[in-house]
Structure formats: C-alpha cells, structure tokens
C-alpha atoms as a PDB file:
ATOM      1  CA  MET A   1     104.905 140.807  79.288  1.00  0.00           C
ATOM      2  CA  GLN A   2     105.853 141.027  76.023  1.00  0.00           C
ATOM      3  CA  GLY A   3     103.568 140.645  72.545  1.00  0.00           C
ATOM      4  CA  GLY A   4     105.331 137.039  72.051  1.00  0.00           C
ATOM      5  CA  ALA A   5     104.641 135.615  75.480  1.00  0.00           C
ATOM      6  CA  ARG A   6     101.253 136.609  75.594  1.00  0.00           C
ATOM      7  CA  TRP A   7     100.016 135.476  72.404  1.00  0.00           C
ATOM      8  CA  TRP A   8     101.471 131.878  73.545  1.00  0.00           C
ATOM      9  CA  LEU A   9      99.917 132.212  76.370  1.00  0.00           C
ATOM     10  CA  ARG A  10      96.497 132.941  75.213  1.00  0.00           C
ATOM     11  CA  ALA A  11      97.035 129.792  72.641  1.00  0.00           C
ATOM     12  CA  ILE A  12      97.523 127.565  75.759  1.00  0.00           C
ATOM     13  CA  VAL A  13      94.791 128.938  77.111  1.00  0.00           C
ATOM     14  CA  TRP A  14      92.977 128.092  74.132  1.00  0.00           C
ATOM     15  CA  ILE A  15      93.779 124.908  73.778  1.00  0.00           C
ATOM     16  CA  ALA A  16      93.788 124.064  77.164  1.00  0.00           C
ATOM     17  CA  SER A  17      89.762 125.102  76.898  1.00  0.00           C
ATOM     18  CA  LEU A  18      89.434 123.103  73.927  1.00  0.00           C
ATOM     19  CA  VAL A  19      90.444 119.942  75.005  1.00  0.00           C
ATOM     20  CA  LEU A  20      88.594 120.609  78.198  1.00  0.00           C
ATOM     21  CA  ILE A  21      85.083 121.383  76.556  1.00  0.00           C
ATOM     22  CA  ALA A  22      85.483 118.895  73.260  1.00  0.00           C
ATOM     23  CA  PRO A  23      84.513 115.585  75.194  1.00  0.00           C
ATOM     24  CA  ILE A  24      81.100 117.681  76.795  1.00  0.00           C
ATOM     25  CA  ALA A  25      80.549 118.683  72.900  1.00  0.00           C
ATOM     26  CA  ILE A  26      80.802 115.027  72.090  1.00  0.00           C
ATOM     27  CA  VAL A  27      78.431 114.037  74.296  1.00  0.00           C
ATOM     28  CA  VAL A  28      75.605 116.710  73.323  1.00  0.00           C
ATOM     29  CA  VAL A  29      76.286 115.778  69.817  1.00  0.00           C
ATOM     30  CA  LEU A  30      75.541 112.133  70.967  1.00  0.00           C
ATOM     31  CA  ALA A  31      72.728 112.608  72.681  1.00  0.00           C
ATOM     32  CA  PHE A  32      70.498 114.069  69.689  1.00  0.00           C
ATOM     33  CA  SER A  33      72.019 111.111  67.164  1.00  0.00           C
ATOM     34  CA  GLY A  34      69.364 108.790  65.413  1.00  0.00           C
ATOM     35  CA  GLY A  35      71.453 105.930  65.021  1.00  0.00           C
ATOM     36  CA  GLU A  36      71.180 102.392  67.118  1.00  0.00           C
ATOM     37  CA  PHE A  37      74.626 102.737  68.470  1.00  0.00           C
ATOM     38  CA  LEU A  38      77.172 105.554  69.771  1.00  0.00           C
ATOM     39  CA  LYS A  39      78.896 106.736  67.043  1.00  0.00           C
ATOM     40  CA  PHE A  40      80.627 109.918  66.538  1.00  0.00           C
ATOM     41  CA  PRO A  41      79.924 111.756  64.416  1.00  0.00           C
ATOM     42  CA  PRO A  42      76.414 110.621  64.526  1.00  0.00           C
ATOM     43  CA  ASP A  43      75.007 109.416  60.873  1.00  0.00           C
ATOM     44  CA  SER A  44      71.566 111.394  61.641  1.00  0.00           C
ATOM     45  CA  LEU A  45      70.035 113.720  64.530  1.00  0.00           C
ATOM     46  CA  SER A  46      66.626 112.884  66.119  1.00  0.00           C
ATOM     47  CA  LEU A  47      65.475 113.380  69.312  1.00  0.00           C
ATOM     48  CA  ARG A  48      64.675 109.708  69.595  1.00  0.00           C
ATOM     49  CA  TRP A  49      67.080 108.888  72.325  1.00  0.00           C
ATOM     50  CA  VAL A  50      66.033 112.085  74.181  1.00  0.00           C
ATOM     51  CA  ARG A  51      62.529 111.202  74.274  1.00  0.00           C
ATOM     52  CA  THR A  52      63.362 107.671  75.284  1.00  0.00           C
ATOM     53  CA  PHE A  53      65.002 109.104  78.409  1.00  0.00           C
ATOM     54  CA  LEU A  54      62.371 111.638  79.645  1.00  0.00           C
ATOM     55  CA  GLY A  55      59.615 108.915  78.754  1.00  0.00           C
ATOM     56  CA  ASP A  56      60.957 106.256  81.021  1.00  0.00           C
ATOM     57  CA  PRO A  57      59.690 106.317  84.319  1.00  0.00           C
ATOM     58  CA  ARG A  58      62.518 104.527  85.843  1.00  0.00           C
ATOM     59  CA  TRP A  59      64.860 107.463  84.499  1.00  0.00           C
ATOM     60  CA  ARG A  60      61.904 109.963  85.735  1.00  0.00           C
ATOM     61  CA  GLU A  61      62.341 108.027  89.084  1.00  0.00           C
ATOM     62  CA  SER A  62      65.897 108.871  89.314  1.00  0.00           C
ATOM     63  CA  ILE A  63      65.666 112.450  88.688  1.00  0.00           C
ATOM     64  CA  VAL A  64      63.570 112.825  91.202  1.00  0.00           C
ATOM     65  CA  PHE A  65      65.535 110.880  93.981  1.00  0.00           C
ATOM     66  CA  SER A  66      68.143 112.792  93.275  1.00  0.00           C
ATOM     67  CA  LEU A  67      66.451 115.733  93.089  1.00  0.00           C
ATOM     68  CA  ARG A  68      65.762 114.818  97.152  1.00  0.00           C
ATOM     69  CA  ILE A  69      68.717 113.961  97.373  1.00  0.00           C
ATOM     70  CA  ALA A  70      70.081 117.299  96.549  1.00  0.00           C
ATOM     71  CA  ALA A  71      68.053 119.150  98.303  1.00  0.00           C
ATOM     72  CA  ILE A  72      68.596 117.356 101.943  1.00  0.00           C
ATOM     73  CA  ALA A  73      72.503 117.480 101.441  1.00  0.00           C
ATOM     74  CA  CYS A  74      72.044 120.835 100.226  1.00  0.00           C
ATOM     75  CA  ALA A  75      70.218 122.085 103.491  1.00  0.00           C
ATOM     76  CA  PHE A  76      72.505 120.191 105.918  1.00  0.00           C
ATOM     77  CA  ALA A  77      75.715 121.206 104.344  1.00  0.00           C
ATOM     78  CA  THR A  78      74.596 124.414 103.761  1.00  0.00           C
ATOM     79  CA  VAL A  79      73.309 125.097 107.829  1.00  0.00           C
ATOM     80  CA  ILE A  80      76.299 122.913 109.193  1.00  0.00           C
ATOM     81  CA  GLY A  81      79.018 125.019 106.505  1.00  0.00           C
ATOM     82  CA  PHE A  82      77.948 128.485 107.483  1.00  0.00           C
ATOM     83  CA  LEU A  83      77.256 127.568 111.246  1.00  0.00           C
ATOM     84  CA  ALA A  84      81.292 126.309 111.272  1.00  0.00           C
ATOM     85  CA  ALA A  85      82.259 129.101 108.933  1.00  0.00           C
ATOM     86  CA  TYR A  86      81.089 131.840 111.291  1.00  0.00           C
ATOM     87  CA  ALA A  87      82.506 130.356 113.818  1.00  0.00           C
ATOM     88  CA  LEU A  88      86.136 130.246 112.429  1.00  0.00           C
ATOM     89  CA  VAL A  89      85.881 133.160 111.213  1.00  0.00           C
ATOM     90  CA  ARG A  90      84.611 135.186 114.402  1.00  0.00           C
ATOM     91  CA  SER A  91      86.086 133.229 117.074  1.00  0.00           C
ATOM     92  CA  ARG A  92      89.263 133.044 118.923  1.00  0.00           C
ATOM     93  CA  LEU A  93      89.383 129.379 118.975  1.00  0.00           C
ATOM     94  CA  ARG A  94      93.515 127.971 118.810  1.00  0.00           C
ATOM     95  CA  ALA A  95      92.809 124.921 117.504  1.00  0.00           C
ATOM     96  CA  LYS A  96      90.817 126.305 114.545  1.00  0.00           C
ATOM     97  CA  THR A  97      93.708 125.177 111.547  1.00  0.00           C
ATOM     98  CA  LEU A  98      93.037 121.802 112.698  1.00  0.00           C
ATOM     99  CA  VAL A  99      89.058 122.031 113.067  1.00  0.00           C
ATOM    100  CA  LEU A 100      89.555 123.338 109.210  1.00  0.00           C
ATOM    101  CA  SER A 101      91.798 120.272 108.253  1.00  0.00           C
ATOM    102  CA  LEU A 102      88.866 118.243 110.166  1.00  0.00           C
ATOM    103  CA  LEU A 103      86.440 119.975 107.889  1.00  0.00           C
ATOM    104  CA  LEU A 104      87.889 119.810 104.586  1.00  0.00           C
ATOM    105  CA  MET A 105      89.030 116.388 104.993  1.00  0.00           C
ATOM    106  CA  PRO A 106      86.151 114.522 102.685  1.00  0.00           C
ATOM    107  CA  MET A 107      87.961 117.097  99.859  1.00  0.00           C
ATOM    108  CA  ILE A 108      90.927 115.242 101.178  1.00  0.00           C
ATOM    109  CA  VAL A 109      90.667 111.917 101.813  1.00  0.00           C
ATOM    110  CA  PRO A 110      90.047 109.412  98.658  1.00  0.00           C
ATOM    111  CA  SER A 111      85.975 109.560  97.769  1.00  0.00           C
ATOM    112  CA  VAL A 112      86.097 105.675  97.713  1.00  0.00           C
ATOM    113  CA  VAL A 113      87.746 105.401 101.326  1.00  0.00           C
ATOM    114  CA  THR A 114      84.992 107.891 102.322  1.00  0.00           C
ATOM    115  CA  ALA A 115      82.154 106.127 100.556  1.00  0.00           C
ATOM    116  CA  ILE A 116      83.235 102.554 102.784  1.00  0.00           C
ATOM    117  CA  ALA A 117      83.703 104.085 106.186  1.00  0.00           C
ATOM    118  CA  MET A 118      80.332 105.468 105.791  1.00  0.00           C
ATOM    119  CA  TYR A 119      79.070 102.366 104.356  1.00  0.00           C
ATOM    120  CA  PHE A 120      80.763 100.292 107.733  1.00  0.00           C
ATOM    121  CA  MET A 121      79.247 102.582 109.816  1.00  0.00           C
ATOM    122  CA  SER A 122      75.456 102.733 108.408  1.00  0.00           C
ATOM    123  CA  ALA A 123      75.267  99.439 107.979  1.00  0.00           C
ATOM    124  CA  ALA A 124      76.687  99.036 112.242  1.00  0.00           C
ATOM    125  CA  VAL A 125      73.670 100.780 113.030  1.00  0.00           C
ATOM    126  CA  GLY A 126      70.877  99.821 110.465  1.00  0.00           C
ATOM    127  CA  LEU A 127      70.592 103.118 108.122  1.00  0.00           C
ATOM    128  CA  ILE A 128      71.739 101.221 104.730  1.00  0.00           C
ATOM    129  CA  GLY A 129      68.680 102.320 102.437  1.00  0.00           C
ATOM    130  CA  SER A 130      67.026 105.651 104.031  1.00  0.00           C
ATOM    131  CA  THR A 131      66.671 108.387 102.235  1.00  0.00           C
ATOM    132  CA  LEU A 132      67.604 110.621 104.798  1.00  0.00           C
ATOM    133  CA  TRP A 133      70.518 109.462 105.963  1.00  0.00           C
ATOM    134  CA  LEU A 134      71.974 109.095 102.507  1.00  0.00           C
ATOM    135  CA  GLY A 135      71.319 113.062 101.682  1.00  0.00           C
ATOM    136  CA  PHE A 136      73.315 113.515 105.206  1.00  0.00           C
ATOM    137  CA  CYS A 137      76.509 111.310 103.760  1.00  0.00           C
ATOM    138  CA  HIS A 138      76.095 113.166 100.745  1.00  0.00           C
ATOM    139  CA  ALA A 139      76.336 116.728 102.902  1.00  0.00           C
ATOM    140  CA  VAL A 140      79.350 115.857 104.007  1.00  0.00           C
ATOM    141  CA  MET A 141      81.269 115.186 100.647  1.00  0.00           C
ATOM    142  CA  ALA A 142      79.541 118.880 100.109  1.00  0.00           C
ATOM    143  CA  LEU A 143      81.031 120.437 103.381  1.00  0.00           C
ATOM    144  CA  PRO A 144      84.537 121.135 102.316  1.00  0.00           C
ATOM    145  CA  VAL A 145      82.783 122.998  98.900  1.00  0.00           C
ATOM    146  CA  VAL A 146      80.565 125.347 101.250  1.00  0.00           C
ATOM    147  CA  VAL A 147      83.440 126.186 104.076  1.00  0.00           C
ATOM    148  CA  LEU A 148      85.967 127.929 101.624  1.00  0.00           C
ATOM    149  CA  ILE A 149      82.794 129.531  99.905  1.00  0.00           C
ATOM    150  CA  LEU A 150      81.661 130.828 103.236  1.00  0.00           C
ATOM    151  CA  LEU A 151      84.749 131.829 105.076  1.00  0.00           C
ATOM    152  CA  SER A 152      85.866 133.916 101.898  1.00  0.00           C
ATOM    153  CA  THR A 153      82.246 135.138 102.358  1.00  0.00           C
ATOM    154  CA  LEU A 154      82.255 136.272 105.898  1.00  0.00           C
ATOM    155  CA  ASN A 155      85.733 137.812 106.165  1.00  0.00           C
ATOM    156  CA  GLY A 156      84.384 140.242 103.604  1.00  0.00           C
ATOM    157  CA  VAL A 157      81.125 141.076 106.476  1.00  0.00           C
ATOM    158  CA  ASP A 158      82.683 144.091 108.317  1.00  0.00           C
ATOM    159  CA  VAL A 159      82.493 143.019 112.429  1.00  0.00           C
ATOM    160  CA  ASN A 160      81.901 146.568 113.175  1.00  0.00           C
ATOM    161  CA  LEU A 161      78.667 146.353 111.794  1.00  0.00           C
ATOM    162  CA  GLU A 162      77.875 143.392 114.563  1.00  0.00           C
ATOM    163  CA  ARG A 163      79.630 145.737 117.018  1.00  0.00           C
ATOM    164  CA  ALA A 164      77.911 148.656 116.335  1.00  0.00           C
ATOM    165  CA  ALA A 165      74.497 146.653 116.656  1.00  0.00           C
ATOM    166  CA  ALA A 166      75.992 145.323 119.788  1.00  0.00           C
ATOM    167  CA  SER A 167      76.375 148.420 121.493  1.00  0.00           C
ATOM    168  CA  LEU A 168      72.871 149.618 120.485  1.00  0.00           C
ATOM    169  CA  GLY A 169      71.248 147.124 122.621  1.00  0.00           C
ATOM    170  CA  ALA A 170      70.736 144.075 119.908  1.00  0.00           C
ATOM    171  CA  SER A 171      71.278 140.306 121.259  1.00  0.00           C
ATOM    172  CA  ARG A 172      73.372 138.196 119.248  1.00  0.00           C
ATOM    173  CA  TRP A 173      70.544 136.351 117.690  1.00  0.00           C
ATOM    174  CA  ARG A 174      69.158 139.330 116.438  1.00  0.00           C
ATOM    175  CA  ILE A 175      72.285 140.521 115.052  1.00  0.00           C
ATOM    176  CA  PHE A 176      73.438 137.474 113.359  1.00  0.00           C
ATOM    177  CA  THR A 177      70.094 137.288 111.766  1.00  0.00           C
ATOM    178  CA  ARG A 178      69.304 140.412 110.797  1.00  0.00           C
ATOM    179  CA  ILE A 179      73.293 141.926 109.502  1.00  0.00           C
ATOM    180  CA  VAL A 180      75.228 138.578 109.858  1.00  0.00           C
ATOM    181  CA  VAL A 181      72.944 136.411 107.099  1.00  0.00           C
ATOM    182  CA  PRO A 182      71.436 139.367 105.136  1.00  0.00           C
ATOM    183  CA  LEU A 183      75.038 140.842 104.521  1.00  0.00           C
ATOM    184  CA  ALA A 184      76.250 137.011 103.619  1.00  0.00           C
ATOM    185  CA  ALA A 185      73.267 136.113 101.630  1.00  0.00           C
ATOM    186  CA  PRO A 186      74.510 136.007  98.083  1.00  0.00           C
ATOM    187  CA  GLY A 187      77.859 133.820  99.207  1.00  0.00           C
ATOM    188  CA  LEU A 188      74.941 131.373 100.841  1.00  0.00           C
ATOM    189  CA  ALA A 189      73.116 131.170  98.242  1.00  0.00           C
ATOM    190  CA  SER A 190      76.307 130.005  95.799  1.00  0.00           C
ATOM    191  CA  ALA A 191      77.397 127.929  98.657  1.00  0.00           C
ATOM    192  CA  ALA A 192      74.376 125.818  98.443  1.00  0.00           C
ATOM    193  CA  LEU A 193      74.216 125.610  94.886  1.00  0.00           C
ATOM    194  CA  PHE A 194      77.392 124.225  94.684  1.00  0.00           C
ATOM    195  CA  ALA A 195      76.146 121.955  97.766  1.00  0.00           C
ATOM    196  CA  PHE A 196      73.508 120.725  95.425  1.00  0.00           C
ATOM    197  CA  LEU A 197      75.535 120.185  92.391  1.00  0.00           C
ATOM    198  CA  THR A 198      78.000 118.018  94.545  1.00  0.00           C
ATOM    199  CA  SER A 199      74.831 115.231  95.878  1.00  0.00           C
ATOM    200  CA  PHE A 200      73.179 115.725  92.402  1.00  0.00           C
ATOM    201  CA  ASP A 201      76.490 114.624  90.864  1.00  0.00           C
ATOM    202  CA  GLU A 202      77.440 112.009  93.402  1.00  0.00           C
ATOM    203  CA  LEU A 203      78.313 108.391  92.515  1.00  0.00           C
ATOM    204  CA  LEU A 204      80.425 106.502  95.220  1.00  0.00           C
ATOM    205  CA  ILE A 205      78.168 107.407  98.757  1.00  0.00           C
ATOM    206  CA  SER A 206      75.004 106.606  96.731  1.00  0.00           C
ATOM    207  CA  LEU A 207      76.328 103.101  95.359  1.00  0.00           C
ATOM    208  CA  PHE A 208      77.583 101.975  98.944  1.00  0.00           C
ATOM    209  CA  LEU A 209      74.417 103.668 101.050  1.00  0.00           C
ATOM    210  CA  ALA A 210      71.240 103.300  98.424  1.00  0.00           C
ATOM    211  CA  ASP A 211      69.589 100.146  98.016  1.00  0.00           C
ATOM    212  CA  VAL A 212      68.290  98.477  94.815  1.00  0.00           C
ATOM    213  CA  ARG A 213      64.829 100.963  95.423  1.00  0.00           C
ATOM    214  CA  MET A 214      66.832 103.651  95.836  1.00  0.00           C
ATOM    215  CA  GLN A 215      68.920 104.404  92.405  1.00  0.00           C
ATOM    216  CA  THR A 216      70.036 108.100  92.375  1.00  0.00           C
ATOM    217  CA  LEU A 217      70.477 109.228  88.183  1.00  0.00           C
ATOM    218  CA  PRO A 218      74.529 108.505  88.665  1.00  0.00           C
ATOM    219  CA  VAL A 219      73.843 105.368  89.851  1.00  0.00           C
ATOM    220  CA  ARG A 220      70.941 104.338  87.106  1.00  0.00           C
ATOM    221  CA  ILE A 221      73.754 105.407  84.513  1.00  0.00           C
ATOM    222  CA  TRP A 222      76.645 103.307  86.164  1.00  0.00           C
ATOM    223  CA  ASN A 223      73.892 100.178  86.476  1.00  0.00           C
ATOM    224  CA  SER A 224      72.981 100.929  82.779  1.00  0.00           C
ATOM    225  CA  LEU A 225      76.937 100.970  81.649  1.00  0.00           C
ATOM    226  CA  GLN A 226      77.524  97.455  82.889  1.00  0.00           C
ATOM    227  CA  LEU A 227      74.765  95.787  81.126  1.00  0.00           C
ATOM    228  CA  ASP A 228      74.288  98.310  77.536  1.00  0.00           C
ATOM    229  CA  VAL A 229      75.621 101.422  76.509  1.00  0.00           C
ATOM    230  CA  GLN A 230      72.787 102.462  74.029  1.00  0.00           C
ATOM    231  CA  PRO A 231      73.081 106.497  72.556  1.00  0.00           C
ATOM    232  CA  THR A 232      70.285 106.724  75.705  1.00  0.00           C
ATOM    233  CA  ILE A 233      73.576 107.208  78.122  1.00  0.00           C
ATOM    234  CA  ALA A 234      74.084 110.456  75.891  1.00  0.00           C
ATOM    235  CA  ALA A 235      71.077 112.074  76.273  1.00  0.00           C
ATOM    236  CA  VAL A 236      71.271 110.979  80.084  1.00  0.00           C
ATOM    237  CA  ASN A 237      74.642 112.410  80.356  1.00  0.00           C
ATOM    238  CA  ALA A 238      73.307 116.049  78.547  1.00  0.00           C
ATOM    239  CA  PHE A 239      70.697 116.216  80.246  1.00  0.00           C
ATOM    240  CA  LEU A 240      73.386 116.441  83.369  1.00  0.00           C
ATOM    241  CA  ILE A 241      75.642 118.873  81.615  1.00  0.00           C
ATOM    242  CA  GLY A 242      72.320 120.643  81.515  1.00  0.00           C
ATOM    243  CA  VAL A 243      72.002 121.031  84.983  1.00  0.00           C
ATOM    244  CA  THR A 244      75.917 121.992  85.989  1.00  0.00           C
ATOM    245  CA  GLY A 245      75.468 124.814  83.323  1.00  0.00           C
ATOM    246  CA  LEU A 246      72.378 125.868  85.002  1.00  0.00           C
ATOM    247  CA  VAL A 247      73.504 125.573  88.249  1.00  0.00           C
ATOM    248  CA  LEU A 248      77.127 127.111  87.069  1.00  0.00           C
ATOM    249  CA  LEU A 249      75.173 129.816  85.690  1.00  0.00           C
ATOM    250  CA  GLY A 250      73.385 130.469  88.554  1.00  0.00           C
ATOM    251  CA  GLU A 251      76.196 131.242  90.690  1.00  0.00           C
ATOM    252  CA  ALA A 252      77.900 133.115  88.246  1.00  0.00           C
ATOM    253  CA  THR A 253      74.709 135.627  88.023  1.00  0.00           C
ATOM    254  CA  LEU A 254      74.858 135.757  91.869  1.00  0.00           C
ATOM    255  CA  ARG A 255      78.366 136.513  92.046  1.00  0.00           C
ATOM    256  CA  ARG A 256      78.189 139.690  89.427  1.00  0.00           C
ATOM    257  CA  SER A 257      74.910 140.751  91.368  1.00  0.00           C
ATOM    258  CA  ARG A 258      77.514 141.108  94.496  1.00  0.00           C
ATOM    259  CA  ALA A 259      80.259 142.106  93.189  1.00  0.00           C
ATOM    260  CA  HIS A 260      77.957 145.278  91.410  1.00  0.00           C
ATOM    261  CA  ALA A 261      76.356 145.400  94.972  1.00  0.00           C
ATOM    262  CA  SER A 262      77.582 148.555  96.635  1.00  0.00           C
ATOM    263  CA  PRO A 263      78.766 147.735 100.329  1.00  0.00           C
ATOM    264  CA  ALA A 264      76.729 150.513 101.267  1.00  0.00           C
ATOM    265  CA  ALA A 265      73.297 149.026 100.137  1.00  0.00           C
ATOM    266  CA  ARG A 266      73.979 145.947 101.715  1.00  0.00           C
ATOM    267  CA  ALA A 267      74.048 147.606 104.722  1.00  0.00           C
ATOM    268  CA  HIS A 268      71.070 149.915 103.896  1.00  0.00           C
ATOM    269  CA  ASP A 269      69.480 146.083 103.328  1.00  0.00           C
ATOM    270  CA  ALA A 270      70.379 144.727 106.377  1.00  0.00           C
ATOM    271  CA  HIS A 271      69.734 147.583 108.461  1.00  0.00           C
ATOM    272  CA  ARG A 272      66.076 147.253 106.773  1.00  0.00           C
END
C-alpha cells in the first residue's frame, strides 16, 4: 500500500473512531454535571447526580435485579452454547448448517419480533414475571454470540488429544471434563462475559416479560425517560458504559493471555 493511501486509511479510521466515541464521552461528561438539566458542555462539574443515582434504592434494586438476571442468562447460555458448539464441531451431523442457522436465529430475527413471540408464549403458560424464565429468555438472545465464540475456540482444540486419551482408556466424560473443558476455558470465559453483557443491556425482552415489580436497569432507564429527563439518566448510562468497558477489558485480557499461552503449556494444564 502506498504512503498516500495508507495516510487516508488512517485518517478514515481515526474519524470513524471519533464519531463512535464522541457520544459516549458526552454522556460520561454529563454524568458529572452540576446543573439541573442536561446541557453540554455543563456549566459546572459535580458528583451530585452520581450520588443521587447510587443513593436511590429503586436504582439499586434495578442494578441487583439486572445482575441476577444476567447471571442466570450467562449460566444458561454458556452451558447450552458450549454443548451445542462441541456437538457441531465434533459430530458428523449432515444438517450442521441448518442447526447452526437455528442457533443463530435470535441474532438474525429483529429483537422486537422475538420479544413479542416470547411474550405470547410466556403469557400462555403463565410465566410472565418469572425471574428464572426471564433469565432463560435473555440466554436465548445471548446464545448466538456464545456459539460463535465457542465454535472458534473448539476448532482450535486438537482432536488428536481426545483420541490419544480415548486410546488410553479414558471415558468420554473424562475426556470432556479433563481435556476439552480446560483447553476451551479461555473461550468459555470470553463467551460467558459476552453473554452476561448481552443480558445486562437487554431492554425489549425485559419490557415484555417483566412485571412492574421487576425492573431491570435498562427498563427503569426507559421508564424514567418517558417521565422526566434528568442528569441522573446520564449517570446511569455512564454506569452502564463502565460495566461494558470492564467486561470488554476482561475479555481482552483473557484473549491476550490465551494468545501468549503455548499449546504445550495448555496441554500440560489439561493433563494435570
């Protein structure tokens, strides 16, 4: 690539990055505004609205409830996605493409269509307002991301290690728990983090399936925006941005450690 073309490419990348980052930066700055209304740039800086957000028991209840739902969704999506990805990678199923397409359907179908379908199904069996069911429905939305991450991870696990263990008399369960799971652990952790993040930010499913006593953080933000727009909303969104940033930082750390780990070291850990 010539010098001029490389310069233009870098300029485009920087401009695109600024366009994406600017709204996030504005929200974070507004979270520390000292004014009564949302205004950028703020006239003064203060922790007033951050304290209001963290000091309000309703917001704290929504945070705890969102964390609970995200944990349930993370567990369901990671376990189901791992088993599905392992079956797709190791089996000789002829309809692999069809099965994969069905697993990725929540990513393809518009979220509002999925939410409406889940609402009618849940209402028919009386599951509206169930915490466990809401977590499972969030897991359905997170499942495509988990499957894609674990497909890539399991494709990198050498099948010869499993064959060698089988030839030495190891059972399929022992092979799965002592070889496959340890070698896929970094990918599992990354998939779990993204499943948690997907559930924590989910709005539509929660709007349709949660009752008035169960408001996740995105739902409470939505309801607050309909009533009154205060700088508290900016503080809440800054909190969500912080959670997202921490999850992405954790995933990047896991990916970096996985890249630096040698295959021999990972095989030794699995054997141990």
